[in-house]
Amino acid sequence: EMISPKLHPDAMKKVYMPMTNKLLDTGDITMASIVRVKVADDVSNADVEEAMESIATAESIRSVGMLPLSEMVEIQTNAAGVTKGHPDFKPQRYLKIYQYCSPRTAMIMVDHSDAFSAYLPCRIALIEDKSGQRWLYTLDMDFMIYGGAPLPPALLKKAIEVKRVITAIQKGGAEGDF
């Protein structure tokens, strides 16, 4: 006899069918687990960052860190004294990761399941793809909201609110919307 867990009623519609379709379309499980938004061509990286920080502040979610990966790799891979503008400088594709957290909500989530800690803090990556197009990537939060057994109502409400805020930061950043 097969026993299956009780999944959220929207699990198939909001998580597993879209994930399966993306996986079959791309062959890439990581693409199936993220949400990406194209950055407008007329929005600079600095404008993306400023917009995201402004929205995070307005939405009362804490900016808890930034990881400038491409800059770090440029420092590590270029010879001493070879900086931007030098003829021997080897640039990297732009990649910077922004981290956000609502500490009280985070602890409520972890109190429900220690595994939620793997989703912390919420992250948005600004990346220049191989063709030069910039994108903002974040994990698809529907996985944690709808992918398993239904969350307790109070936690569900908080998780949906965090998703709304991260989506607002991502979309606003892509549009340079302060």
N, C-alpha and C. Protein backbone atom coordinates (compact mmCIF):
# COMPACT_ATOMS: atom_id res chain seq x y z
N GLU A 1 0.84 -1.18 0.00
CA GLU A 1 0.00 0.00 0.00
C GLU A 1 0.88 1.24 0.00
N MET A 2 0.59 2.14 -0.92
CA MET A 2 1.38 3.37 -1.01
C MET A 2 0.70 4.46 -0.19
N ILE A 3 1.50 5.11 0.62
CA ILE A 3 0.98 6.22 1.43
C ILE A 3 1.57 7.50 0.86
N SER A 4 0.70 8.44 0.55
CA SER A 4 1.20 9.72 0.04
C SER A 4 0.87 10.81 1.05
N PRO A 5 1.75 11.79 1.16
CA PRO A 5 1.49 12.86 2.11
C PRO A 5 0.33 13.73 1.63
N LYS A 6 -0.28 14.40 2.56
CA LYS A 6 -1.36 15.32 2.21
C LYS A 6 -0.72 16.63 1.75
N LEU A 7 -0.83 16.91 0.48
CA LEU A 7 -0.25 18.12 -0.09
C LEU A 7 -1.26 19.26 -0.08
N HIS A 8 -0.74 20.46 -0.17
CA HIS A 8 -1.60 21.63 -0.30
C HIS A 8 -2.48 21.42 -1.53
N PRO A 9 -3.76 21.82 -1.48
CA PRO A 9 -4.64 21.60 -2.63
C PRO A 9 -4.16 22.25 -3.93
N ASP A 10 -3.33 23.29 -3.83
CA ASP A 10 -2.80 23.95 -5.03
C ASP A 10 -1.41 23.46 -5.43
N ALA A 11 -0.92 22.40 -4.77
CA ALA A 11 0.45 21.94 -5.03
C ALA A 11 0.68 21.60 -6.50
N MET A 12 -0.21 20.86 -7.10
CA MET A 12 -0.01 20.47 -8.50
C MET A 12 -0.07 21.68 -9.43
N LYS A 13 -1.07 22.53 -9.21
CA LYS A 13 -1.29 23.68 -10.09
C LYS A 13 -0.21 24.76 -9.95
N LYS A 14 0.21 25.04 -8.71
CA LYS A 14 1.13 26.16 -8.48
C LYS A 14 2.59 25.76 -8.40
N VAL A 15 2.87 24.46 -8.20
CA VAL A 15 4.26 24.05 -8.02
C VAL A 15 4.66 22.98 -9.03
N TYR A 16 4.06 21.82 -8.94
CA TYR A 16 4.59 20.66 -9.64
C TYR A 16 4.34 20.65 -11.15
N MET A 17 3.21 21.13 -11.62
CA MET A 17 3.01 21.19 -13.08
C MET A 17 3.87 22.29 -13.71
N PRO A 18 3.88 23.52 -13.16
CA PRO A 18 4.77 24.53 -13.75
C PRO A 18 6.24 24.12 -13.70
N MET A 19 6.66 23.51 -12.58
CA MET A 19 8.04 23.07 -12.46
C MET A 19 8.35 22.00 -13.50
N THR A 20 7.47 21.04 -13.65
CA THR A 20 7.68 19.97 -14.63
C THR A 20 7.73 20.54 -16.05
N ASN A 21 6.84 21.46 -16.36
CA ASN A 21 6.83 22.06 -17.70
C ASN A 21 8.13 22.82 -17.97
N LYS A 22 8.61 23.61 -16.99
CA LYS A 22 9.88 24.33 -17.18
C LYS A 22 11.04 23.36 -17.32
N LEU A 23 11.02 22.31 -16.52
CA LEU A 23 12.09 21.31 -16.59
C LEU A 23 12.10 20.64 -17.96
N LEU A 24 10.93 20.27 -18.46
CA LEU A 24 10.86 19.63 -19.77
C LEU A 24 11.25 20.60 -20.89
N ASP A 25 10.89 21.87 -20.74
CA ASP A 25 11.23 22.88 -21.75
C ASP A 25 12.73 23.18 -21.79
N THR A 26 13.36 23.24 -20.60
CA THR A 26 14.75 23.70 -20.52
C THR A 26 15.76 22.59 -20.25
N GLY A 27 15.30 21.49 -19.62
CA GLY A 27 16.23 20.45 -19.19
C GLY A 27 17.06 20.87 -17.99
N ASP A 28 16.70 21.99 -17.36
CA ASP A 28 17.49 22.58 -16.29
C ASP A 28 16.63 22.71 -15.03
N ILE A 29 16.90 21.88 -14.02
CA ILE A 29 16.09 21.90 -12.79
C ILE A 29 16.23 23.24 -12.07
N THR A 30 17.38 23.90 -12.19
CA THR A 30 17.51 25.19 -11.52
C THR A 30 16.59 26.24 -12.15
N MET A 31 16.42 26.22 -13.46
CA MET A 31 15.48 27.14 -14.11
C MET A 31 14.05 26.85 -13.67
N ALA A 32 13.77 25.59 -13.34
CA ALA A 32 12.43 25.21 -12.92
C ALA A 32 12.12 25.64 -11.49
N SER A 33 13.13 26.08 -10.76
CA SER A 33 12.92 26.42 -9.35
C SER A 33 13.09 27.91 -9.05
N ILE A 34 13.16 28.73 -10.09
CA ILE A 34 13.39 30.16 -9.88
C ILE A 34 12.32 30.99 -10.60
N VAL A 35 12.32 32.27 -10.25
CA VAL A 35 11.53 33.27 -10.97
C VAL A 35 12.54 34.32 -11.43
N ARG A 36 12.51 34.66 -12.71
CA ARG A 36 13.43 35.68 -13.20
C ARG A 36 12.66 36.78 -13.89
N VAL A 37 13.20 37.99 -13.77
CA VAL A 37 12.60 39.17 -14.38
C VAL A 37 13.70 39.89 -15.15
N LYS A 38 13.40 40.23 -16.40
CA LYS A 38 14.36 40.94 -17.26
C LYS A 38 14.52 42.38 -16.77
N VAL A 39 15.76 42.83 -16.69
CA VAL A 39 16.05 44.22 -16.30
C VAL A 39 15.91 45.10 -17.54
N ALA A 40 15.19 46.19 -17.41
CA ALA A 40 15.00 47.12 -18.52
C ALA A 40 16.36 47.64 -19.00
N ASP A 41 16.50 47.77 -20.31
CA ASP A 41 17.77 48.20 -20.89
C ASP A 41 18.21 49.59 -20.43
N ASP A 42 17.24 50.45 -20.12
CA ASP A 42 17.59 51.82 -19.73
C ASP A 42 17.80 51.98 -18.22
N VAL A 43 17.86 50.88 -17.49
CA VAL A 43 18.07 50.91 -16.04
C VAL A 43 19.48 50.42 -15.74
N SER A 44 20.28 51.26 -15.09
CA SER A 44 21.66 50.88 -14.75
C SER A 44 21.67 49.91 -13.56
N ASN A 45 22.80 49.23 -13.38
CA ASN A 45 22.94 48.35 -12.22
C ASN A 45 22.78 49.14 -10.92
N ALA A 46 23.32 50.35 -10.89
CA ALA A 46 23.18 51.20 -9.69
C ALA A 46 21.72 51.55 -9.44
N ASP A 47 20.96 51.80 -10.52
CA ASP A 47 19.53 52.10 -10.36
C ASP A 47 18.76 50.87 -9.87
N VAL A 48 19.12 49.69 -10.36
CA VAL A 48 18.49 48.45 -9.88
C VAL A 48 18.70 48.34 -8.38
N GLU A 49 19.95 48.50 -7.96
CA GLU A 49 20.28 48.37 -6.54
C GLU A 49 19.56 49.42 -5.70
N GLU A 50 19.57 50.66 -6.15
CA GLU A 50 18.91 51.72 -5.39
C GLU A 50 17.41 51.48 -5.29
N ALA A 51 16.80 51.05 -6.39
CA ALA A 51 15.36 50.76 -6.38
C ALA A 51 15.04 49.63 -5.41
N MET A 52 15.83 48.56 -5.46
CA MET A 52 15.56 47.42 -4.57
C MET A 52 15.72 47.81 -3.11
N GLU A 53 16.76 48.58 -2.80
CA GLU A 53 16.98 48.99 -1.41
C GLU A 53 15.85 49.91 -0.95
N SER A 54 15.40 50.80 -1.82
CA SER A 54 14.31 51.72 -1.49
C SER A 54 13.01 50.95 -1.22
N ILE A 55 12.71 49.99 -2.07
CA ILE A 55 11.49 49.19 -1.90
C ILE A 55 11.59 48.35 -0.63
N ALA A 56 12.74 47.75 -0.38
CA ALA A 56 12.92 46.95 0.84
C ALA A 56 12.67 47.80 2.08
N THR A 57 13.20 49.00 2.09
CA THR A 57 12.99 49.90 3.23
C THR A 57 11.51 50.24 3.37
N ALA A 58 10.86 50.59 2.27
CA ALA A 58 9.44 50.94 2.30
C ALA A 58 8.57 49.77 2.76
N GLU A 59 9.00 48.55 2.44
CA GLU A 59 8.23 47.35 2.78
C GLU A 59 8.64 46.76 4.14
N SER A 60 9.57 47.41 4.81
CA SER A 60 10.02 46.99 6.15
C SER A 60 10.63 45.59 6.18
N ILE A 61 11.40 45.27 5.13
CA ILE A 61 12.18 44.04 5.14
C ILE A 61 13.65 44.48 5.19
N ARG A 62 14.44 43.77 5.95
CA ARG A 62 15.83 44.19 6.15
C ARG A 62 16.74 43.72 5.02
N SER A 63 17.57 44.64 4.55
CA SER A 63 18.65 44.27 3.65
C SER A 63 19.77 43.76 4.56
N VAL A 64 20.13 42.49 4.41
CA VAL A 64 21.09 41.89 5.35
C VAL A 64 22.43 41.54 4.71
N GLY A 65 22.62 41.96 3.47
CA GLY A 65 23.93 41.73 2.87
C GLY A 65 23.91 41.77 1.37
N MET A 66 25.09 42.02 0.81
CA MET A 66 25.30 42.01 -0.63
C MET A 66 26.59 41.26 -0.90
N LEU A 67 26.59 40.46 -1.93
CA LEU A 67 27.77 39.69 -2.30
C LEU A 67 28.12 40.02 -3.75
N PRO A 68 29.13 40.89 -3.96
CA PRO A 68 29.52 41.29 -5.32
C PRO A 68 30.45 40.25 -5.95
N LEU A 69 29.89 39.13 -6.37
CA LEU A 69 30.70 38.00 -6.83
C LEU A 69 31.59 38.33 -8.02
N SER A 70 31.05 39.01 -9.02
CA SER A 70 31.88 39.29 -10.20
C SER A 70 33.06 40.19 -9.84
N GLU A 71 32.84 41.18 -8.98
CA GLU A 71 33.94 42.05 -8.55
C GLU A 71 34.99 41.26 -7.78
N MET A 72 34.54 40.36 -6.93
CA MET A 72 35.47 39.55 -6.14
C MET A 72 36.34 38.67 -7.05
N VAL A 73 35.72 38.08 -8.07
CA VAL A 73 36.47 37.22 -9.00
C VAL A 73 37.43 38.06 -9.83
N GLU A 74 37.02 39.27 -10.23
CA GLU A 74 37.94 40.15 -10.98
C GLU A 74 39.18 40.46 -10.15
N ILE A 75 38.99 40.73 -8.88
CA ILE A 75 40.13 41.02 -7.99
C ILE A 75 41.03 39.79 -7.87
N GLN A 76 40.44 38.62 -7.78
CA GLN A 76 41.21 37.39 -7.58
C GLN A 76 41.90 36.90 -8.85
N THR A 77 41.35 37.22 -10.02
CA THR A 77 41.89 36.65 -11.25
C THR A 77 42.76 37.60 -12.07
N ASN A 78 42.68 38.90 -11.81
CA ASN A 78 43.54 39.84 -12.52
C ASN A 78 44.82 40.05 -11.72
N ALA A 79 45.90 40.29 -12.42
CA ALA A 79 47.20 40.51 -11.77
C ALA A 79 47.15 41.75 -10.89
N ALA A 80 48.01 41.77 -9.91
CA ALA A 80 48.10 42.93 -9.02
C ALA A 80 48.33 44.19 -9.84
N GLY A 81 47.56 45.23 -9.55
CA GLY A 81 47.70 46.49 -10.27
C GLY A 81 46.90 46.56 -11.55
N VAL A 82 46.32 45.44 -12.00
CA VAL A 82 45.50 45.43 -13.21
C VAL A 82 44.05 45.62 -12.79
N THR A 83 43.54 46.83 -13.05
CA THR A 83 42.18 47.16 -12.67
C THR A 83 41.39 47.60 -13.89
N LYS A 84 40.10 47.87 -13.72
CA LYS A 84 39.27 48.31 -14.83
C LYS A 84 39.93 49.49 -15.53
N GLY A 85 39.94 49.46 -16.85
CA GLY A 85 40.59 50.50 -17.64
C GLY A 85 41.98 50.09 -18.11
N HIS A 86 42.60 49.16 -17.42
CA HIS A 86 43.93 48.66 -17.81
C HIS A 86 43.74 47.74 -19.02
N PRO A 87 44.65 47.81 -20.02
CA PRO A 87 44.48 46.98 -21.23
C PRO A 87 44.48 45.47 -20.95
N ASP A 88 45.10 45.03 -19.87
CA ASP A 88 45.15 43.59 -19.56
C ASP A 88 44.01 43.14 -18.64
N PHE A 89 43.13 44.05 -18.28
CA PHE A 89 42.04 43.71 -17.36
C PHE A 89 41.07 42.72 -18.00
N LYS A 90 40.74 41.67 -17.27
CA LYS A 90 39.78 40.66 -17.75
C LYS A 90 38.50 40.77 -16.92
N PRO A 91 37.44 41.35 -17.51
CA PRO A 91 36.19 41.52 -16.77
C PRO A 91 35.40 40.21 -16.65
N GLN A 92 34.53 40.17 -15.68
CA GLN A 92 33.61 39.06 -15.48
C GLN A 92 32.20 39.54 -15.84
N ARG A 93 31.33 38.59 -16.16
CA ARG A 93 29.91 38.94 -16.31
C ARG A 93 29.43 39.45 -14.95
N TYR A 94 28.57 40.45 -14.97
CA TYR A 94 28.11 41.05 -13.72
C TYR A 94 27.27 40.05 -12.93
N LEU A 95 27.59 39.89 -11.66
CA LEU A 95 26.80 39.06 -10.74
C LEU A 95 26.94 39.61 -9.34
N LYS A 96 25.81 40.04 -8.81
CA LYS A 96 25.78 40.53 -7.43
C LYS A 96 24.52 39.98 -6.77
N ILE A 97 24.69 39.47 -5.56
CA ILE A 97 23.58 38.85 -4.84
C ILE A 97 23.18 39.76 -3.69
N TYR A 98 21.88 40.02 -3.60
CA TYR A 98 21.30 40.87 -2.56
C TYR A 98 20.50 39.97 -1.63
N GLN A 99 20.63 40.21 -0.32
CA GLN A 99 19.98 39.35 0.67
C GLN A 99 19.04 40.18 1.54
N TYR A 100 17.85 39.62 1.77
CA TYR A 100 16.81 40.30 2.55
C TYR A 100 16.23 39.34 3.57
N CYS A 101 15.77 39.89 4.71
CA CYS A 101 15.19 39.03 5.74
C CYS A 101 14.20 39.81 6.59
N SER A 102 13.14 39.13 6.93
CA SER A 102 12.20 39.59 7.94
C SER A 102 12.43 38.67 9.14
N PRO A 103 13.26 39.08 10.11
CA PRO A 103 13.72 38.17 11.15
C PRO A 103 12.62 37.44 11.92
N ARG A 104 11.57 38.14 12.31
CA ARG A 104 10.51 37.48 13.08
C ARG A 104 9.80 36.43 12.24
N THR A 105 9.51 36.76 10.99
CA THR A 105 8.89 35.78 10.10
C THR A 105 9.82 34.60 9.88
N ALA A 106 11.11 34.87 9.73
CA ALA A 106 12.09 33.79 9.53
C ALA A 106 12.06 32.80 10.70
N MET A 107 12.01 33.31 11.91
CA MET A 107 11.99 32.42 13.08
C MET A 107 10.69 31.63 13.17
N ILE A 108 9.58 32.24 12.79
CA ILE A 108 8.31 31.51 12.78
C ILE A 108 8.38 30.37 11.78
N MET A 109 8.98 30.63 10.62
CA MET A 109 9.12 29.59 9.60
C MET A 109 10.00 28.45 10.09
N VAL A 110 11.12 28.79 10.72
CA VAL A 110 12.04 27.77 11.23
C VAL A 110 11.42 27.00 12.39
N ASP A 111 10.59 27.68 13.20
CA ASP A 111 9.89 26.97 14.27
C ASP A 111 8.95 25.92 13.69
N HIS A 112 8.41 26.18 12.50
CA HIS A 112 7.54 25.21 11.83
C HIS A 112 8.36 24.04 11.28
N SER A 113 9.49 24.36 10.64
CA SER A 113 10.36 23.32 10.07
C SER A 113 11.78 23.86 9.97
N ASP A 114 12.72 23.14 10.57
CA ASP A 114 14.12 23.54 10.48
C ASP A 114 14.58 23.67 9.02
N ALA A 115 13.99 22.90 8.12
CA ALA A 115 14.39 22.92 6.71
C ALA A 115 14.17 24.29 6.07
N PHE A 116 13.25 25.08 6.61
CA PHE A 116 13.05 26.43 6.07
C PHE A 116 14.31 27.27 6.16
N SER A 117 15.22 26.91 7.06
CA SER A 117 16.46 27.69 7.20
C SER A 117 17.26 27.71 5.91
N ALA A 118 17.10 26.71 5.05
CA ALA A 118 17.81 26.69 3.77
C ALA A 118 17.33 27.79 2.82
N TYR A 119 16.14 28.31 3.07
CA TYR A 119 15.60 29.39 2.24
C TYR A 119 16.01 30.77 2.75
N LEU A 120 16.76 30.82 3.86
CA LEU A 120 17.10 32.09 4.49
C LEU A 120 18.52 32.52 4.17
N PRO A 121 18.79 33.81 4.05
CA PRO A 121 17.78 34.84 3.86
C PRO A 121 17.25 34.78 2.42
N CYS A 122 16.20 35.54 2.16
CA CYS A 122 15.70 35.64 0.78
C CYS A 122 16.79 36.31 -0.04
N ARG A 123 16.99 35.81 -1.25
CA ARG A 123 18.05 36.34 -2.11
C ARG A 123 17.51 36.73 -3.48
N ILE A 124 18.07 37.80 -4.01
CA ILE A 124 17.81 38.21 -5.39
C ILE A 124 19.17 38.41 -6.03
N ALA A 125 19.39 37.76 -7.16
CA ALA A 125 20.67 37.88 -7.88
C ALA A 125 20.47 38.75 -9.12
N LEU A 126 21.33 39.74 -9.26
CA LEU A 126 21.39 40.55 -10.48
C LEU A 126 22.53 39.97 -11.30
N ILE A 127 22.18 39.42 -12.48
CA ILE A 127 23.19 38.75 -13.30
C ILE A 127 23.07 39.18 -14.75
N GLU A 128 24.22 39.32 -15.37
CA GLU A 128 24.30 39.58 -16.81
C GLU A 128 24.50 38.22 -17.48
N ASP A 129 23.57 37.83 -18.36
CA ASP A 129 23.71 36.52 -19.00
C ASP A 129 24.80 36.57 -20.07
N LYS A 130 25.05 35.45 -20.70
CA LYS A 130 26.15 35.35 -21.67
C LYS A 130 25.95 36.21 -22.90
N SER A 131 24.71 36.64 -23.15
CA SER A 131 24.46 37.52 -24.30
C SER A 131 24.46 39.00 -23.89
N GLY A 132 24.65 39.28 -22.60
CA GLY A 132 24.70 40.65 -22.13
C GLY A 132 23.40 41.16 -21.52
N GLN A 133 22.35 40.36 -21.60
CA GLN A 133 21.06 40.75 -20.99
C GLN A 133 21.14 40.59 -19.48
N ARG A 134 20.59 41.55 -18.75
CA ARG A 134 20.58 41.47 -17.29
C ARG A 134 19.23 40.97 -16.78
N TRP A 135 19.29 40.18 -15.72
CA TRP A 135 18.12 39.56 -15.11
C TRP A 135 18.20 39.66 -13.60
N LEU A 136 17.04 39.64 -12.97
CA LEU A 136 16.96 39.48 -11.52
C LEU A 136 16.33 38.11 -11.25
N TYR A 137 17.06 37.27 -10.54
CA TYR A 137 16.63 35.91 -10.22
C TYR A 137 16.33 35.79 -8.73
N THR A 138 15.31 35.02 -8.38
CA THR A 138 15.07 34.64 -7.00
C THR A 138 14.44 33.25 -7.00
N LEU A 139 14.51 32.58 -5.86
CA LEU A 139 13.87 31.27 -5.75
C LEU A 139 12.36 31.42 -5.87
N ASP A 140 11.72 30.43 -6.46
CA ASP A 140 10.26 30.40 -6.56
C ASP A 140 9.71 30.03 -5.18
N MET A 141 9.14 31.00 -4.49
CA MET A 141 8.65 30.76 -3.13
C MET A 141 7.40 29.91 -3.09
N ASP A 142 6.76 29.69 -4.25
CA ASP A 142 5.60 28.80 -4.25
C ASP A 142 5.97 27.40 -3.78
N PHE A 143 7.23 27.01 -3.97
CA PHE A 143 7.67 25.68 -3.53
C PHE A 143 7.47 25.53 -2.03
N MET A 144 7.90 26.54 -1.26
CA MET A 144 7.78 26.44 0.20
C MET A 144 6.36 26.76 0.67
N ILE A 145 5.61 27.54 -0.09
CA ILE A 145 4.26 27.92 0.32
C ILE A 145 3.25 26.83 0.00
N TYR A 146 3.32 26.28 -1.21
CA TYR A 146 2.29 25.35 -1.67
C TYR A 146 2.80 23.94 -1.96
N GLY A 147 4.10 23.71 -1.90
CA GLY A 147 4.67 22.45 -2.37
C GLY A 147 4.49 21.25 -1.46
N GLY A 148 4.16 21.45 -0.21
CA GLY A 148 4.01 20.34 0.72
C GLY A 148 2.65 20.36 1.37
N ALA A 149 2.61 19.85 2.59
CA ALA A 149 1.36 19.90 3.35
C ALA A 149 1.00 21.36 3.58
N PRO A 150 -0.29 21.67 3.70
CA PRO A 150 -0.67 23.06 3.93
C PRO A 150 0.01 23.64 5.18
N LEU A 151 0.49 24.85 5.05
CA LEU A 151 1.08 25.55 6.19
C LEU A 151 -0.03 25.98 7.14
N PRO A 152 0.29 26.11 8.42
CA PRO A 152 -0.70 26.66 9.35
C PRO A 152 -1.14 28.05 8.85
N PRO A 153 -2.40 28.42 9.04
CA PRO A 153 -2.91 29.68 8.47
C PRO A 153 -2.06 30.92 8.77
N ALA A 154 -1.59 31.08 10.00
CA ALA A 154 -0.79 32.27 10.34
C ALA A 154 0.53 32.28 9.58
N LEU A 155 1.17 31.12 9.46
CA LEU A 155 2.43 31.02 8.73
C LEU A 155 2.20 31.21 7.24
N LEU A 156 1.12 30.65 6.71
CA LEU A 156 0.78 30.82 5.30
C LEU A 156 0.64 32.30 4.97
N LYS A 157 -0.05 33.04 5.83
CA LYS A 157 -0.25 34.47 5.61
C LYS A 157 1.10 35.20 5.58
N LYS A 158 1.98 34.88 6.51
CA LYS A 158 3.29 35.53 6.57
C LYS A 158 4.15 35.15 5.36
N ALA A 159 4.11 33.88 4.95
CA ALA A 159 4.90 33.43 3.80
C ALA A 159 4.43 34.11 2.52
N ILE A 160 3.12 34.23 2.36
CA ILE A 160 2.57 34.91 1.18
C ILE A 160 2.98 36.38 1.18
N GLU A 161 3.03 37.00 2.35
CA GLU A 161 3.46 38.40 2.44
C GLU A 161 4.93 38.55 2.07
N VAL A 162 5.78 37.65 2.54
CA VAL A 162 7.20 37.71 2.17
C VAL A 162 7.35 37.55 0.66
N LYS A 163 6.60 36.63 0.08
CA LYS A 163 6.65 36.44 -1.38
C LYS A 163 6.23 37.73 -2.09
N ARG A 164 5.17 38.37 -1.61
CA ARG A 164 4.71 39.63 -2.22
C ARG A 164 5.81 40.69 -2.17
N VAL A 165 6.48 40.80 -1.03
CA VAL A 165 7.52 41.81 -0.86
C VAL A 165 8.72 41.52 -1.76
N ILE A 166 9.18 40.27 -1.79
CA ILE A 166 10.33 39.92 -2.63
C ILE A 166 9.99 40.13 -4.10
N THR A 167 8.77 39.80 -4.50
CA THR A 167 8.33 40.03 -5.88
C THR A 167 8.32 41.52 -6.19
N ALA A 168 7.85 42.34 -5.25
CA ALA A 168 7.84 43.80 -5.45
C ALA A 168 9.26 44.33 -5.59
N ILE A 169 10.18 43.83 -4.77
CA ILE A 169 11.58 44.26 -4.85
C ILE A 169 12.17 43.86 -6.20
N GLN A 170 11.92 42.62 -6.62
CA GLN A 170 12.46 42.11 -7.88
C GLN A 170 11.91 42.90 -9.07
N LYS A 171 10.60 43.06 -9.14
CA LYS A 171 10.00 43.78 -10.27
C LYS A 171 10.37 45.26 -10.26
N GLY A 172 10.35 45.87 -9.08
CA GLY A 172 10.72 47.28 -8.99
C GLY A 172 12.17 47.51 -9.36
N GLY A 173 13.05 46.60 -8.95
CA GLY A 173 14.45 46.70 -9.32
C GLY A 173 14.65 46.60 -10.82
N ALA A 174 13.94 45.68 -11.45
CA ALA A 174 14.06 45.48 -12.89
C ALA A 174 13.61 46.70 -13.69
N GLU A 175 12.67 47.45 -13.11
CA GLU A 175 12.14 48.64 -13.78
C GLU A 175 12.83 49.92 -13.31
N GLY A 176 13.72 49.81 -12.31
CA GLY A 176 14.35 51.00 -11.75
C GLY A 176 13.35 51.88 -11.04
N ASP A 177 12.31 51.25 -10.50
CA ASP A 177 11.19 51.96 -9.86
C ASP A 177 11.51 52.27 -8.41
N PHE A 178 11.73 53.53 -8.11
CA PHE A 178 12.06 53.91 -6.73
C PHE A 178 10.79 54.03 -5.95
